[in-house]
Amino acid sequence: MQVDHHDLAHEFPEFKERIHELKTSDNHFHKQFERYNELTKEIERLEKQDEPVTDEHMEELKKQRLALKDELYAMLKG
């Protein structure tokens, strides 16, 4: 199965420097960034290994990641 990479640098290449800046200066951003990465790795692992997982569980993981992505994007723009 083809796995798309959804790390923040791929999602928002125009904010690469800002991501680094906030990771080192904003604890909340850093925490949310780490959670986003954990979810992304889990989703990619499940997709790559084609492990049996319910559609509902995968959908929930993706919804959580999207909510974090929206929050992180708002912080990057702010």
Protein backbone atom coordinates (compact mmCIF):
# COMPACT_ATOMS: atom_id res chain seq x y z
CA MET A 1 0.00 0.00 0.00
CA GLN A 2 1.25 3.49 -0.88
CA VAL A 3 1.86 5.55 2.24
CA ASP A 4 1.73 9.33 2.00
CA HIS A 5 3.96 11.25 4.37
CA HIS A 6 2.16 13.80 6.48
CA ASP A 7 4.91 15.24 8.64
CA LEU A 8 4.53 18.97 9.22
CA ALA A 9 7.51 19.91 7.02
CA HIS A 10 5.85 18.16 4.06
CA GLU A 11 2.46 19.64 4.86
CA PHE A 12 3.70 23.22 5.35
CA PRO A 13 7.10 23.63 3.66
CA GLU A 14 6.69 27.41 3.71
CA PHE A 15 6.74 27.30 7.53
CA LYS A 16 9.84 25.13 7.97
CA GLU A 17 11.80 27.81 9.85
CA ARG A 18 8.77 28.84 11.91
CA ILE A 19 8.18 25.20 12.90
CA HIS A 20 11.73 24.94 14.19
CA GLU A 21 11.42 28.27 16.01
CA LEU A 22 8.19 27.30 17.76
CA LYS A 23 9.41 23.81 18.64
CA THR A 24 12.24 25.38 20.62
CA SER A 25 10.42 28.36 22.11
CA ASP A 26 6.80 27.33 22.71
CA ASN A 27 6.12 24.38 25.01
CA HIS A 28 2.50 23.98 23.93
CA PHE A 29 3.48 23.95 20.25
CA HIS A 30 6.23 21.44 20.98
CA LYS A 31 3.81 19.14 22.84
CA GLN A 32 1.20 19.30 20.09
CA PHE A 33 3.89 18.85 17.42
CA GLU A 34 5.11 15.68 19.14
CA ARG A 35 1.56 14.34 19.44
CA TYR A 36 0.97 15.08 15.75
CA ASN A 37 4.13 13.15 14.85
CA GLU A 38 3.13 10.20 17.05
CA LEU A 39 -0.27 9.98 15.38
CA THR A 40 1.29 10.29 11.93
CA LYS A 41 3.76 7.50 12.66
CA GLU A 42 1.00 5.27 14.00
CA ILE A 43 -1.23 5.87 10.98
CA GLU A 44 1.63 5.32 8.54
CA ARG A 45 2.66 2.14 10.37
CA LEU A 46 -0.87 0.76 10.19
CA GLU A 47 -1.15 1.65 6.50
CA LYS A 48 2.30 0.36 5.59
CA GLN A 49 1.98 -2.96 7.37
CA ASP A 50 -1.61 -3.28 6.25
CA GLU A 51 -2.52 -4.36 9.76
CA PRO A 52 -6.10 -5.26 10.48
CA VAL A 53 -7.73 -2.21 12.00
CA THR A 54 -11.33 -1.11 11.96
CA ASP A 55 -12.29 1.71 9.67
CA GLU A 56 -13.68 3.54 12.67
CA HIS A 57 -10.37 3.37 14.54
CA MET A 58 -8.38 4.57 11.52
CA GLU A 59 -10.89 7.35 10.95
CA GLU A 60 -10.61 8.43 14.60
CA LEU A 61 -6.81 8.56 14.38
CA LYS A 62 -7.00 10.65 11.22
CA LYS A 63 -9.54 13.02 12.80
CA GLN A 64 -7.26 13.52 15.79
CA ARG A 65 -4.32 14.22 13.48
CA LEU A 66 -6.38 16.69 11.43
CA ALA A 67 -7.47 18.57 14.56
CA LEU A 68 -3.84 18.83 15.66
CA LYS A 69 -2.79 19.92 12.18
CA ASP A 70 -5.41 22.69 12.23
CA GLU A 71 -4.24 23.84 15.67
CA LEU A 72 -0.57 23.79 14.66
CA TYR A 73 -1.32 25.68 11.43
CA ALA A 74 -3.13 28.40 13.37
CA MET A 75 -0.11 28.73 15.65
CA LEU A 76 2.26 28.88 12.67
CA LYS A 77 0.23 31.67 11.07
CA GLY A 78 -0.12 33.59 14.34
